PDB file of N, CA and C in Angstrom:
ATOM      1  N   UNK A   1       6.188  11.322 -14.478  1.00  0.00           N
ATOM      2  CA  UNK A   1       5.838   9.921 -14.364  1.00  0.00           C
ATOM      3  C   UNK A   1       4.589   9.670 -15.194  1.00  0.00           C
ATOM      4  N   UNK A   2       4.589   8.594 -15.948  1.00  0.00           N
ATOM      5  CA  UNK A   2       3.447   8.206 -16.749  1.00  0.00           C
ATOM      6  C   UNK A   2       2.840   6.943 -16.154  1.00  0.00           C
ATOM      7  N   UNK A   3       1.533   6.931 -15.982  1.00  0.00           N
ATOM      8  CA  UNK A   3       0.835   5.772 -15.439  1.00  0.00           C
ATOM      9  C   UNK A   3      -0.221   5.333 -16.444  1.00  0.00           C
ATOM     10  N   UNK A   4      -0.155   4.081 -16.853  1.00  0.00           N
ATOM     11  CA  UNK A   4      -1.188   3.488 -17.705  1.00  0.00           C
ATOM     12  C   UNK A   4      -2.153   2.763 -16.785  1.00  0.00           C
ATOM     13  N   UNK A   5      -3.458   3.000 -16.953  1.00  0.00           N
ATOM     14  CA  UNK A   5      -4.413   2.385 -16.035  1.00  0.00           C
ATOM     15  C   UNK A   5      -5.498   1.638 -16.789  1.00  0.00           C
ATOM     16  N   UNK A   6      -6.324   0.940 -16.016  1.00  0.00           N
ATOM     17  CA  UNK A   6      -7.431   0.146 -16.538  1.00  0.00           C
ATOM     18  C   UNK A   6      -6.962  -0.931 -17.511  1.00  0.00           C
ATOM     19  N   UNK A   7      -5.816  -1.531 -17.206  1.00  0.00           N
ATOM     20  CA  UNK A   7      -5.304  -2.643 -18.003  1.00  0.00           C
ATOM     21  C   UNK A   7      -5.933  -3.914 -17.447  1.00  0.00           C
ATOM     22  N   UNK A   8      -6.726  -4.609 -18.245  1.00  0.00           N
ATOM     23  CA  UNK A   8      -7.390  -5.828 -17.786  1.00  0.00           C
ATOM     24  C   UNK A   8      -6.366  -6.935 -17.583  1.00  0.00           C
ATOM     25  N   UNK A   9      -6.575  -7.720 -16.523  1.00  0.00           N
ATOM     26  CA  UNK A   9      -5.671  -8.850 -16.269  1.00  0.00           C
ATOM     27  C   UNK A   9      -6.460  -9.993 -15.643  1.00  0.00           C
ATOM     28  N   UNK A  10      -5.931 -11.183 -15.773  1.00  0.00           N
ATOM     29  CA  UNK A  10      -6.505 -12.355 -15.113  1.00  0.00           C
ATOM     30  C   UNK A  10      -5.405 -13.391 -14.950  1.00  0.00           C
ATOM     31  N   UNK A  11      -5.556 -14.200 -13.921  1.00  0.00           N
ATOM     32  CA  UNK A  11      -4.568 -15.231 -13.632  1.00  0.00           C
ATOM     33  C   UNK A  11      -5.172 -16.202 -12.628  1.00  0.00           C
ATOM     34  N   UNK A  12      -4.306 -17.039 -12.040  1.00  0.00           N
ATOM     35  CA  UNK A  12      -4.740 -17.975 -11.010  1.00  0.00           C
ATOM     36  C   UNK A  12      -4.134 -17.587  -9.675  1.00  0.00           C
ATOM     37  N   UNK A  13      -4.925 -17.658  -8.627  1.00  0.00           N
ATOM     38  CA  UNK A  13      -4.466 -17.416  -7.271  1.00  0.00           C
ATOM     39  C   UNK A  13      -3.498 -18.546  -6.889  1.00  0.00           C
ATOM     40  N   UNK A  14      -2.288 -18.190  -6.483  1.00  0.00           N
ATOM     41  CA  UNK A  14      -1.293 -19.207  -6.115  1.00  0.00           C
ATOM     42  C   UNK A  14      -1.727 -20.020  -4.905  1.00  0.00           C
ATOM     43  N   UNK A  15      -2.488 -19.413  -4.017  1.00  0.00           N
ATOM     44  CA  UNK A  15      -2.891 -20.082  -2.784  1.00  0.00           C
ATOM     45  C   UNK A  15      -3.982 -21.115  -3.021  1.00  0.00           C
ATOM     46  N   UNK A  16      -5.006 -20.770  -3.810  1.00  0.00           N
ATOM     47  CA  UNK A  16      -6.160 -21.644  -3.999  1.00  0.00           C
ATOM     48  C   UNK A  16      -6.285 -22.240  -5.394  1.00  0.00           C
ATOM     49  N   UNK A  17      -5.437 -21.813  -6.329  1.00  0.00           N
ATOM     50  CA  UNK A  17      -5.509 -22.263  -7.728  1.00  0.00           C
ATOM     51  C   UNK A  17      -6.883 -22.000  -8.341  1.00  0.00           C
ATOM     52  N   UNK A  18      -7.479 -20.870  -7.952  1.00  0.00           N
ATOM     53  CA  UNK A  18      -8.739 -20.430  -8.531  1.00  0.00           C
ATOM     54  C   UNK A  18      -8.485 -19.130  -9.285  1.00  0.00           C
ATOM     55  N   UNK A  19      -9.316 -18.817 -10.273  1.00  0.00           N
ATOM     56  CA  UNK A  19      -9.061 -17.622 -11.084  1.00  0.00           C
ATOM     57  C   UNK A  19      -9.331 -16.317 -10.341  1.00  0.00           C
ATOM     58  N   UNK A  20      -8.648 -15.269 -10.786  1.00  0.00           N
ATOM     59  CA  UNK A  20      -8.968 -13.908 -10.378  1.00  0.00           C
ATOM     60  C   UNK A  20      -8.854 -13.023 -11.595  1.00  0.00           C
ATOM     61  N   UNK A  21      -9.579 -11.916 -11.571  1.00  0.00           N
ATOM     62  CA  UNK A  21      -9.493 -10.962 -12.667  1.00  0.00           C
ATOM     63  C   UNK A  21      -9.677  -9.561 -12.102  1.00  0.00           C
ATOM     64  N   UNK A  22      -9.060  -8.605 -12.783  1.00  0.00           N
ATOM     65  CA  UNK A  22      -9.143  -7.238 -12.309  1.00  0.00           C
ATOM     66  C   UNK A  22      -8.484  -6.275 -13.259  1.00  0.00           C
ATOM     67  N   UNK A  23      -8.079  -5.120 -12.703  1.00  0.00           N
ATOM     68  CA  UNK A  23      -7.424  -4.087 -13.489  1.00  0.00           C
ATOM     69  C   UNK A  23      -6.113  -3.685 -12.822  1.00  0.00           C
ATOM     70  N   UNK A  24      -5.192  -3.219 -13.657  1.00  0.00           N
ATOM     71  CA  UNK A  24      -3.868  -2.840 -13.183  1.00  0.00           C
ATOM     72  C   UNK A  24      -3.520  -1.452 -13.686  1.00  0.00           C
ATOM     73  N   UNK A  25      -3.163  -0.517 -12.790  1.00  0.00           N
ATOM     74  CA  UNK A  25      -2.442   0.672 -13.231  1.00  0.00           C
ATOM     75  C   UNK A  25      -0.956   0.409 -13.043  1.00  0.00           C
ATOM     76  N   UNK A  26      -0.136   0.771 -14.017  1.00  0.00           N
ATOM     77  CA  UNK A  26       1.291   0.493 -13.937  1.00  0.00           C
ATOM     78  C   UNK A  26       2.088   1.668 -14.474  1.00  0.00           C
ATOM     79  N   UNK A  27       3.290   1.826 -13.923  1.00  0.00           N
ATOM     80  CA  UNK A  27       4.225   2.831 -14.400  1.00  0.00           C
ATOM     81  C   UNK A  27       5.570   2.162 -14.565  1.00  0.00           C
ATOM     82  N   UNK A  28       6.220   2.413 -15.689  1.00  0.00           N
ATOM     83  CA  UNK A  28       7.538   1.815 -15.911  1.00  0.00           C
ATOM     84  C   UNK A  28       8.485   2.846 -16.485  1.00  0.00           C
ATOM     85  N   UNK A  29       9.129   3.638 -15.608  1.00  0.00           N
ATOM     86  CA  UNK A  29      10.154   4.556 -16.118  1.00  0.00           C
ATOM     87  C   UNK A  29      11.435   3.774 -16.393  1.00  0.00           C
ATOM     88  N   UNK A  30      11.322   2.780 -17.274  1.00  0.00           N
ATOM     89  CA  UNK A  30      12.399   1.833 -17.564  1.00  0.00           C
ATOM     90  C   UNK A  30      13.666   2.562 -17.975  1.00  0.00           C
ATOM     91  N   UNK A  31      14.819   2.075 -17.671  1.00  0.00           N
ATOM     92  CA  UNK A  31      15.075   0.875 -16.867  1.00  0.00           C
ATOM     93  C   UNK A  31      15.266   1.202 -15.397  1.00  0.00           C
ATOM     94  N   UNK A  32      14.696   2.291 -14.936  1.00  0.00           N
ATOM     95  CA  UNK A  32      15.020   2.783 -13.600  1.00  0.00           C
ATOM     96  C   UNK A  32      14.008   2.417 -12.533  1.00  0.00           C
ATOM     97  N   UNK A  33      13.024   1.644 -12.851  1.00  0.00           N
ATOM     98  CA  UNK A  33      12.074   1.220 -11.840  1.00  0.00           C
ATOM     99  C   UNK A  33      10.720   0.913 -12.428  1.00  0.00           C
ATOM    100  N   UNK A  34       9.833   0.420 -11.579  1.00  0.00           N
ATOM    101  CA  UNK A  34       8.480   0.085 -12.005  1.00  0.00           C
ATOM    102  C   UNK A  34       7.558   0.097 -10.799  1.00  0.00           C
ATOM    103  N   UNK A  35       6.298   0.362 -11.059  1.00  0.00           N
ATOM    104  CA  UNK A  35       5.280   0.299 -10.022  1.00  0.00           C
ATOM    105  C   UNK A  35       4.031  -0.323 -10.593  1.00  0.00           C
ATOM    106  N   UNK A  36       3.406  -1.197  -9.807  1.00  0.00           N
ATOM    107  CA  UNK A  36       2.193  -1.876 -10.239  1.00  0.00           C
ATOM    108  C   UNK A  36       1.244  -1.957  -9.050  1.00  0.00           C
ATOM    109  N   UNK A  37      -0.025  -1.675  -9.284  1.00  0.00           N
ATOM    110  CA  UNK A  37      -1.076  -1.898  -8.293  1.00  0.00           C
ATOM    111  C   UNK A  37      -2.116  -2.775  -8.969  1.00  0.00           C
ATOM    112  N   UNK A  38      -2.461  -3.880  -8.335  1.00  0.00           N
ATOM    113  CA  UNK A  38      -3.441  -4.813  -8.885  1.00  0.00           C
ATOM    114  C   UNK A  38      -4.673  -4.782  -8.001  1.00  0.00           C
ATOM    115  N   UNK A  39      -5.831  -4.501  -8.601  1.00  0.00           N
ATOM    116  CA  UNK A  39      -7.114  -4.583  -7.897  1.00  0.00           C
ATOM    117  C   UNK A  39      -7.919  -5.663  -8.600  1.00  0.00           C
ATOM    118  N   UNK A  40      -8.220  -6.740  -7.880  1.00  0.00           N
ATOM    119  CA  UNK A  40      -8.856  -7.878  -8.529  1.00  0.00           C
ATOM    120  C   UNK A  40      -9.896  -8.536  -7.633  1.00  0.00           C
ATOM    121  N   UNK A  41     -10.832  -9.203  -8.284  1.00  0.00           N
ATOM    122  CA  UNK A  41     -11.804 -10.032  -7.574  1.00  0.00           C
ATOM    123  C   UNK A  41     -11.331 -11.478  -7.675  1.00  0.00           C
ATOM    124  N   UNK A  42     -11.089 -12.080  -6.531  1.00  0.00           N
ATOM    125  CA  UNK A  42     -10.613 -13.460  -6.466  1.00  0.00           C
ATOM    126  C   UNK A  42     -11.798 -14.402  -6.288  1.00  0.00           C
ATOM    127  N   UNK A  43     -11.851 -15.438  -7.106  1.00  0.00           N
ATOM    128  CA  UNK A  43     -12.929 -16.420  -6.992  1.00  0.00           C
ATOM    129  C   UNK A  43     -12.919 -17.080  -5.618  1.00  0.00           C
ATOM    130  N   UNK A  44     -11.728 -17.248  -5.023  1.00  0.00           N
ATOM    131  CA  UNK A  44     -11.651 -17.884  -3.711  1.00  0.00           C
ATOM    132  C   UNK A  44     -12.309 -17.016  -2.632  1.00  0.00           C
ATOM    133  N   UNK A  45     -12.407 -15.709  -2.854  1.00  0.00           N
ATOM    134  CA  UNK A  45     -13.060 -14.827  -1.889  1.00  0.00           C
ATOM    135  C   UNK A  45     -14.542 -14.657  -2.197  1.00  0.00           C
ATOM    136  N   UNK A  46     -14.905 -14.610  -3.476  1.00  0.00           N
ATOM    137  CA  UNK A  46     -16.302 -14.375  -3.819  1.00  0.00           C
ATOM    138  C   UNK A  46     -17.146 -15.647  -3.743  1.00  0.00           C
ATOM    139  N   UNK A  47     -16.520 -16.800  -3.864  1.00  0.00           N
ATOM    140  CA  UNK A  47     -17.271 -18.063  -3.818  1.00  0.00           C
ATOM    141  C   UNK A  47     -17.174 -18.754  -2.469  1.00  0.00           C
ATOM    142  N   UNK A  48     -16.105 -18.452  -1.723  1.00  0.00           N
ATOM    143  CA  UNK A  48     -15.951 -18.993  -0.377  1.00  0.00           C
ATOM    144  C   UNK A  48     -15.508 -17.825   0.493  1.00  0.00           C
ATOM    145  N   UNK A  49     -14.919 -18.103   1.603  1.00  0.00           N
ATOM    146  CA  UNK A  49     -14.374 -17.036   2.435  1.00  0.00           C
ATOM    147  C   UNK A  49     -15.405 -15.973   2.764  1.00  0.00           C
ATOM    148  N   UNK A  50     -15.217 -14.735   2.276  1.00  0.00           N
ATOM    149  CA  UNK A  50     -16.148 -13.648   2.580  1.00  0.00           C
ATOM    150  C   UNK A  50     -17.477 -13.796   1.853  1.00  0.00           C
ATOM    151  N   UNK A  51     -17.504 -14.629   0.822  1.00  0.00           N
ATOM    152  CA  UNK A  51     -18.713 -14.904   0.029  1.00  0.00           C
ATOM    153  C   UNK A  51     -19.417 -13.630  -0.430  1.00  0.00           C
ATOM    154  N   UNK A  52     -18.639 -12.651  -0.768  1.00  0.00           N
ATOM    155  CA  UNK A  52     -19.218 -11.398  -1.234  1.00  0.00           C
ATOM    156  C   UNK A  52     -18.855 -11.133  -2.674  1.00  0.00           C
ATOM    157  N   UNK A  53     -19.834 -11.192  -3.561  1.00  0.00           N
ATOM    158  CA  UNK A  53     -19.567 -10.858  -4.957  1.00  0.00           C
ATOM    159  C   UNK A  53     -19.074  -9.422  -5.015  1.00  0.00           C
ATOM    160  N   UNK A  54     -18.016  -9.201  -5.738  1.00  0.00           N
ATOM    161  CA  UNK A  54     -17.460  -7.863  -5.855  1.00  0.00           C
ATOM    162  C   UNK A  54     -16.408  -7.525  -4.811  1.00  0.00           C
ATOM    163  N   UNK A  55     -16.129  -8.444  -3.877  1.00  0.00           N
ATOM    164  CA  UNK A  55     -15.071  -8.200  -2.888  1.00  0.00           C
ATOM    165  C   UNK A  55     -13.737  -8.107  -3.624  1.00  0.00           C
ATOM    166  N   UNK A  56     -12.999  -7.032  -3.405  1.00  0.00           N
ATOM    167  CA  UNK A  56     -11.750  -6.788  -4.127  1.00  0.00           C
ATOM    168  C   UNK A  56     -10.551  -6.926  -3.203  1.00  0.00           C
ATOM    169  N   UNK A  57      -9.440  -7.338  -3.774  1.00  0.00           N
ATOM    170  CA  UNK A  57      -8.161  -7.397  -3.086  1.00  0.00           C
ATOM    171  C   UNK A  57      -7.214  -6.478  -3.835  1.00  0.00           C
ATOM    172  N   UNK A  58      -6.443  -5.675  -3.095  1.00  0.00           N
ATOM    173  CA  UNK A  58      -5.462  -4.785  -3.725  1.00  0.00           C
ATOM    174  C   UNK A  58      -4.064  -5.190  -3.300  1.00  0.00           C
ATOM    175  N   UNK A  59      -3.157  -5.226  -4.264  1.00  0.00           N
ATOM    176  CA  UNK A  59      -1.765  -5.562  -4.026  1.00  0.00           C
ATOM    177  C   UNK A  59      -0.912  -4.557  -4.780  1.00  0.00           C
ATOM    178  N   UNK A  60       0.224  -4.157  -4.192  1.00  0.00           N
ATOM    179  CA  UNK A  60       1.113  -3.231  -4.901  1.00  0.00           C
ATOM    180  C   UNK A  60       2.547  -3.708  -4.800  1.00  0.00           C
ATOM    181  N   UNK A  61       3.339  -3.332  -5.795  1.00  0.00           N
ATOM    182  CA  UNK A  61       4.779  -3.620  -5.795  1.00  0.00           C
ATOM    183  C   UNK A  61       5.482  -2.428  -6.445  1.00  0.00           C
ATOM    184  N   UNK A  62       6.515  -1.940  -5.782  1.00  0.00           N
ATOM    185  CA  UNK A  62       7.288  -0.804  -6.274  1.00  0.00           C
ATOM    186  C   UNK A  62       8.759  -1.189  -6.259  1.00  0.00           C
ATOM    187  N   UNK A  63       9.488  -0.793  -7.305  1.00  0.00           N
ATOM    188  CA  UNK A  63      10.925  -1.090  -7.334  1.00  0.00           C
ATOM    189  C   UNK A  63      11.680   0.057  -7.986  1.00  0.00           C
ATOM    190  N   UNK A  64      12.995   0.048  -7.831  1.00  0.00           N
ATOM    191  CA  UNK A  64      13.835   1.069  -8.442  1.00  0.00           C
ATOM    192  C   UNK A  64      13.463   2.453  -7.973  1.00  0.00           C
ATOM    193  N   UNK A  65      13.465   3.427  -8.883  1.00  0.00           N
ATOM    194  CA  UNK A  65      13.137   4.795  -8.530  1.00  0.00           C
ATOM    195  C   UNK A  65      11.711   4.952  -8.031  1.00  0.00           C
ATOM    196  N   UNK A  66      10.799   4.140  -8.535  1.00  0.00           N
ATOM    197  CA  UNK A  66       9.403   4.227  -8.095  1.00  0.00           C
ATOM    198  C   UNK A  66       9.288   3.782  -6.639  1.00  0.00           C
ATOM    199  N   UNK A  67      10.103   2.821  -6.228  1.00  0.00           N
ATOM    200  CA  UNK A  67      10.068   2.345  -4.848  1.00  0.00           C
ATOM    201  C   UNK A  67      11.043   3.062  -3.952  1.00  0.00           C
ATOM    202  N   UNK A  68      11.791   4.021  -4.499  1.00  0.00           N
ATOM    203  CA  UNK A  68      12.813   4.733  -3.743  1.00  0.00           C
ATOM    204  C   UNK A  68      12.250   5.767  -2.797  1.00  0.00           C
ATOM    205  N   UNK A  69      12.970   6.861  -2.657  1.00  0.00           N
ATOM    206  CA  UNK A  69      12.588   7.889  -1.703  1.00  0.00           C
ATOM    207  C   UNK A  69      11.414   8.734  -2.147  1.00  0.00           C
ATOM    208  N   UNK A  70      10.998   9.603  -1.265  1.00  0.00           N
ATOM    209  CA  UNK A  70       9.905  10.530  -1.542  1.00  0.00           C
ATOM    210  C   UNK A  70      10.295  11.458  -2.682  1.00  0.00           C
ATOM    211  N   UNK A  71       9.400  12.001  -3.446  1.00  0.00           N
ATOM    212  CA  UNK A  71       7.960  11.795  -3.404  1.00  0.00           C
ATOM    213  C   UNK A  71       7.478  10.725  -4.375  1.00  0.00           C
ATOM    214  N   UNK A  72       8.375  10.009  -5.029  1.00  0.00           N
ATOM    215  CA  UNK A  72       7.961   9.111  -6.106  1.00  0.00           C
ATOM    216  C   UNK A  72       6.948   8.044  -5.681  1.00  0.00           C
ATOM    217  N   UNK A  73       7.154   7.253  -4.603  1.00  0.00           N
ATOM    218  CA  UNK A  73       6.126   6.267  -4.252  1.00  0.00           C
ATOM    219  C   UNK A  73       4.783   6.921  -3.935  1.00  0.00           C
ATOM    220  N   UNK A  74       4.811   8.040  -3.246  1.00  0.00           N
ATOM    221  CA  UNK A  74       3.585   8.753  -2.908  1.00  0.00           C
ATOM    222  C   UNK A  74       2.896   9.249  -4.169  1.00  0.00           C
ATOM    223  N   UNK A  75       3.672   9.795  -5.092  1.00  0.00           N
ATOM    224  CA  UNK A  75       3.114  10.290  -6.352  1.00  0.00           C
ATOM    225  C   UNK A  75       2.487   9.148  -7.140  1.00  0.00           C
ATOM    226  N   UNK A  76       3.196   8.015  -7.262  1.00  0.00           N
ATOM    227  CA  UNK A  76       2.684   6.876  -8.010  1.00  0.00           C
ATOM    228  C   UNK A  76       1.380   6.367  -7.398  1.00  0.00           C
ATOM    229  N   UNK A  77       1.369   6.153  -6.089  1.00  0.00           N
ATOM    230  CA  UNK A  77       0.167   5.629  -5.445  1.00  0.00           C
ATOM    231  C   UNK A  77      -0.989   6.612  -5.526  1.00  0.00           C
ATOM    232  N   UNK A  78      -0.723   7.910  -5.465  1.00  0.00           N
ATOM    233  CA  UNK A  78      -1.774   8.916  -5.621  1.00  0.00           C
ATOM    234  C   UNK A  78      -2.354   8.873  -7.032  1.00  0.00           C
ATOM    235  N   UNK A  79      -1.500   8.717  -8.035  1.00  0.00           N
ATOM    236  CA  UNK A  79      -1.985   8.659  -9.421  1.00  0.00           C
ATOM    237  C   UNK A  79      -2.830   7.426  -9.672  1.00  0.00           C
ATOM    238  N   UNK A  80      -2.512   6.314  -9.031  1.00  0.00           N
ATOM    239  CA  UNK A  80      -3.291   5.085  -9.256  1.00  0.00           C
ATOM    240  C   UNK A  80      -4.636   5.158  -8.564  1.00  0.00           C
ATOM    241  N   UNK A  81      -4.797   6.058  -7.613  1.00  0.00           N
ATOM    242  CA  UNK A  81      -6.068   6.218  -6.918  1.00  0.00           C
ATOM    243  C   UNK A  81      -6.883   7.394  -7.459  1.00  0.00           C
ATOM    244  N   UNK A  82      -6.341   8.101  -8.433  1.00  0.00           N
ATOM    245  CA  UNK A  82      -7.021   9.262  -9.005  1.00  0.00           C
ATOM    246  C   UNK A  82      -8.290   8.815  -9.726  1.00  0.00           C
ATOM    247  N   UNK A  83      -9.369   9.588  -9.624  1.00  0.00           N
ATOM    248  CA  UNK A  83     -10.594   9.214 -10.340  1.00  0.00           C
ATOM    249  C   UNK A  83     -10.355   9.208 -11.852  1.00  0.00           C
ATOM    250  N   UNK A  84     -10.992   8.261 -12.528  1.00  0.00           N
ATOM    251  CA  UNK A  84     -10.799   8.170 -13.986  1.00  0.00           C
ATOM    252  C   UNK A  84     -11.930   8.809 -14.722  1.00  0.00           C
TER     253      UNK A  84
END
């Protein structure tokens, strides 16, 4: 499995229509599946809500072989948490 990490991303929060930005590690053993973990700072959390600069939100999505049985999801999630 190959994981590309530290991919910069930014978009708008669907809930608050405020910007967020962060980094994504992703794996795509195409066409057999994909895995993505997004770690981002949401403006709606840092400016309101928890009001903590640097507060991060993590989201993950796994599909196909990456989201299938063991050990692939465990392997993918372990690789995305590996120190860089």
